[in-house]
């Protein structure tokens, strides 16, 4: 997963990564929110779900200490991160804010 992950986040497209775990209740609550977000923003962002138990090296690399942790990438750069369940409205505003910024 590590190589594919690195290729995906280094692209010019926004990538929202949901670092989560199967046993995490709030992570399960975030699933429908991310589905709603995807329906709203469409192709503006790619949403990835990373299980921290199956990918501990990625969790360590990005300093994920709590789940769910959301990190927004473009061109391999972290643009935004947040911990906990967020609303679709909030996440959409973050996506819209960064989708209007042109990557250098």
C-alpha atoms as a PDB file:
ATOM      1  CA  UNK A   1       0.000   0.000   0.000  1.00  0.00           C
ATOM      2  CA  UNK A   2       2.837   2.370   0.774  1.00  0.00           C
ATOM      3  CA  UNK A   3       4.040   2.804  -2.833  1.00  0.00           C
ATOM      4  CA  UNK A   4       0.542   3.250  -4.262  1.00  0.00           C
ATOM      5  CA  UNK A   5      -0.308   5.633  -1.429  1.00  0.00           C
ATOM      6  CA  UNK A   6       2.754   7.774  -2.131  1.00  0.00           C
ATOM      7  CA  UNK A   7       1.955   7.911  -5.853  1.00  0.00           C
ATOM      8  CA  UNK A   8      -1.643   8.895  -5.149  1.00  0.00           C
ATOM      9  CA  UNK A   9      -0.882  11.718  -2.720  1.00  0.00           C
ATOM     10  CA  UNK A  10       1.871  13.147  -4.947  1.00  0.00           C
ATOM     11  CA  UNK A  11      -0.577  13.857  -7.759  1.00  0.00           C
ATOM     12  CA  UNK A  12      -1.993  17.299  -8.518  1.00  0.00           C
ATOM     13  CA  UNK A  13      -5.469  16.219  -7.394  1.00  0.00           C
ATOM     14  CA  UNK A  14      -6.640  16.806  -3.836  1.00  0.00           C
ATOM     15  CA  UNK A  15      -6.620  13.615  -1.762  1.00  0.00           C
ATOM     16  CA  UNK A  16      -8.473  13.366   1.549  1.00  0.00           C
ATOM     17  CA  UNK A  17      -7.130  10.469   3.606  1.00  0.00           C
ATOM     18  CA  UNK A  18      -9.224   8.994   6.402  1.00  0.00           C
ATOM     19  CA  UNK A  19      -6.907   7.231   8.858  1.00  0.00           C
ATOM     20  CA  UNK A  20      -9.222   4.936  10.793  1.00  0.00           C
ATOM     21  CA  UNK A  21      -9.648   1.549  12.453  1.00  0.00           C
ATOM     22  CA  UNK A  22     -12.326  -1.153  12.347  1.00  0.00           C
ATOM     23  CA  UNK A  23     -12.806  -1.054  16.126  1.00  0.00           C
ATOM     24  CA  UNK A  24     -13.325   2.737  16.212  1.00  0.00           C
ATOM     25  CA  UNK A  25     -16.933   3.877  16.693  1.00  0.00           C
ATOM     26  CA  UNK A  26     -16.368   7.472  15.528  1.00  0.00           C
ATOM     27  CA  UNK A  27     -14.597   6.103  12.439  1.00  0.00           C
ATOM     28  CA  UNK A  28     -17.751   4.193  11.519  1.00  0.00           C
ATOM     29  CA  UNK A  29     -19.772   7.384  12.027  1.00  0.00           C
ATOM     30  CA  UNK A  30     -17.479   9.201   9.576  1.00  0.00           C
ATOM     31  CA  UNK A  31     -18.166   6.723   6.746  1.00  0.00           C
ATOM     32  CA  UNK A  32     -21.582   8.129   5.752  1.00  0.00           C
ATOM     33  CA  UNK A  33     -20.237  11.688   6.109  1.00  0.00           C
ATOM     34  CA  UNK A  34     -17.456  10.947   3.614  1.00  0.00           C
ATOM     35  CA  UNK A  35     -19.951   9.319   1.260  1.00  0.00           C
ATOM     36  CA  UNK A  36     -22.115  12.441   1.420  1.00  0.00           C
ATOM     37  CA  UNK A  37     -19.022  14.592   0.862  1.00  0.00           C
ATOM     38  CA  UNK A  38     -18.033  12.576  -2.222  1.00  0.00           C
ATOM     39  CA  UNK A  39     -21.531  13.059  -3.669  1.00  0.00           C
ATOM     40  CA  UNK A  40     -21.226  16.818  -3.134  1.00  0.00           C
ATOM     41  CA  UNK A  41     -17.693  17.504  -4.376  1.00  0.00           C
ATOM     42  CA  UNK A  42     -17.423  14.795  -7.019  1.00  0.00           C
ATOM     43  CA  UNK A  43     -14.081  14.770  -8.801  1.00  0.00           C
ATOM     44  CA  UNK A  44     -12.573  17.681  -6.855  1.00  0.00           C
ATOM     45  CA  UNK A  45     -11.110  15.228  -4.367  1.00  0.00           C
ATOM     46  CA  UNK A  46     -10.143  11.590  -4.071  1.00  0.00           C
ATOM     47  CA  UNK A  47     -11.055  10.027  -0.715  1.00  0.00           C
ATOM     48  CA  UNK A  48      -8.904   7.216   0.657  1.00  0.00           C
ATOM     49  CA  UNK A  49      -9.503   5.144   3.753  1.00  0.00           C
ATOM     50  CA  UNK A  50      -6.383   3.813   5.497  1.00  0.00           C
ATOM     51  CA  UNK A  51      -6.727   1.284   8.311  1.00  0.00           C
ATOM     52  CA  UNK A  52      -4.037   2.185  10.857  1.00  0.00           C
ATOM     53  CA  UNK A  53      -3.880  -1.391  12.169  1.00  0.00           C
ATOM     54  CA  UNK A  54      -3.075  -2.714   8.679  1.00  0.00           C
ATOM     55  CA  UNK A  55      -0.789   0.221   7.771  1.00  0.00           C
ATOM     56  CA  UNK A  56       1.105   1.173  10.933  1.00  0.00           C
ATOM     57  CA  UNK A  57       4.033   2.586   8.951  1.00  0.00           C
ATOM     58  CA  UNK A  58       1.769   5.189   7.313  1.00  0.00           C
ATOM     59  CA  UNK A  59       0.163   6.047  10.646  1.00  0.00           C
ATOM     60  CA  UNK A  60       3.629   6.541  12.130  1.00  0.00           C
ATOM     61  CA  UNK A  61       4.907   8.548   9.151  1.00  0.00           C
ATOM     62  CA  UNK A  62       2.002  11.004   9.379  1.00  0.00           C
ATOM     63  CA  UNK A  63       1.977  11.115  13.186  1.00  0.00           C
ATOM     64  CA  UNK A  64      -1.534   9.681  13.484  1.00  0.00           C
ATOM     65  CA  UNK A  65      -2.132   9.318  17.219  1.00  0.00           C
ATOM     66  CA  UNK A  66      -5.936   9.265  17.272  1.00  0.00           C
ATOM     67  CA  UNK A  67      -8.552   7.916  14.906  1.00  0.00           C
ATOM     68  CA  UNK A  68     -10.240   9.130  12.895  1.00  0.00           C
ATOM     69  CA  UNK A  69      -7.602  11.499  11.573  1.00  0.00           C
ATOM     70  CA  UNK A  70      -8.237  13.241   8.266  1.00  0.00           C
ATOM     71  CA  UNK A  71      -5.382  14.633   6.181  1.00  0.00           C
ATOM     72  CA  UNK A  72      -5.780  16.568   2.925  1.00  0.00           C
ATOM     73  CA  UNK A  73      -2.878  16.254   0.476  1.00  0.00           C
ATOM     74  CA  UNK A  74      -1.932  17.748  -2.867  1.00  0.00           C
ATOM     75  CA  UNK A  75       1.393  17.129  -4.588  1.00  0.00           C
ATOM     76  CA  UNK A  76       2.576  15.185  -1.525  1.00  0.00           C
ATOM     77  CA  UNK A  77       2.093  18.203   0.743  1.00  0.00           C
ATOM     78  CA  UNK A  78      -0.222  18.239   3.746  1.00  0.00           C
ATOM     79  CA  UNK A  79      -2.642  21.124   3.251  1.00  0.00           C
ATOM     80  CA  UNK A  80      -4.937  20.448   6.215  1.00  0.00           C
ATOM     81  CA  UNK A  81      -5.470  17.877   8.935  1.00  0.00           C
ATOM     82  CA  UNK A  82      -8.037  17.275  11.637  1.00  0.00           C
ATOM     83  CA  UNK A  83      -8.888  14.709  14.270  1.00  0.00           C
ATOM     84  CA  UNK A  84     -12.382  13.410  15.016  1.00  0.00           C
ATOM     85  CA  UNK A  85     -15.674  13.324  13.179  1.00  0.00           C
ATOM     86  CA  UNK A  86     -16.308  16.370  10.995  1.00  0.00           C
ATOM     87  CA  UNK A  87     -19.479  17.355   9.162  1.00  0.00           C
ATOM     88  CA  UNK A  88     -19.834  17.120   5.399  1.00  0.00           C
ATOM     89  CA  UNK A  89     -20.433  20.895   5.305  1.00  0.00           C
ATOM     90  CA  UNK A  90     -17.172  21.580   7.124  1.00  0.00           C
ATOM     91  CA  UNK A  91     -15.167  19.190   4.949  1.00  0.00           C
ATOM     92  CA  UNK A  92     -16.748  20.592   1.782  1.00  0.00           C
ATOM     93  CA  UNK A  93     -15.647  24.098   2.772  1.00  0.00           C
ATOM     94  CA  UNK A  94     -12.079  22.835   3.325  1.00  0.00           C
ATOM     95  CA  UNK A  95     -12.108  21.076  -0.075  1.00  0.00           C
ATOM     96  CA  UNK A  96     -13.514  24.135  -1.843  1.00  0.00           C
ATOM     97  CA  UNK A  97     -10.962  26.384  -0.173  1.00  0.00           C
ATOM     98  CA  UNK A  98      -8.015  24.285  -1.297  1.00  0.00           C
ATOM     99  CA  UNK A  99      -9.395  23.345  -4.724  1.00  0.00           C
ATOM    100  CA  UNK A 100      -9.239  27.014  -5.705  1.00  0.00           C
ATOM    101  CA  UNK A 101      -5.536  27.176  -4.785  1.00  0.00           C
ATOM    102  CA  UNK A 102      -3.329  26.311  -7.747  1.00  0.00           C
ATOM    103  CA  UNK A 103      -0.544  23.880  -6.944  1.00  0.00           C
ATOM    104  CA  UNK A 104       2.941  25.177  -7.646  1.00  0.00           C
END
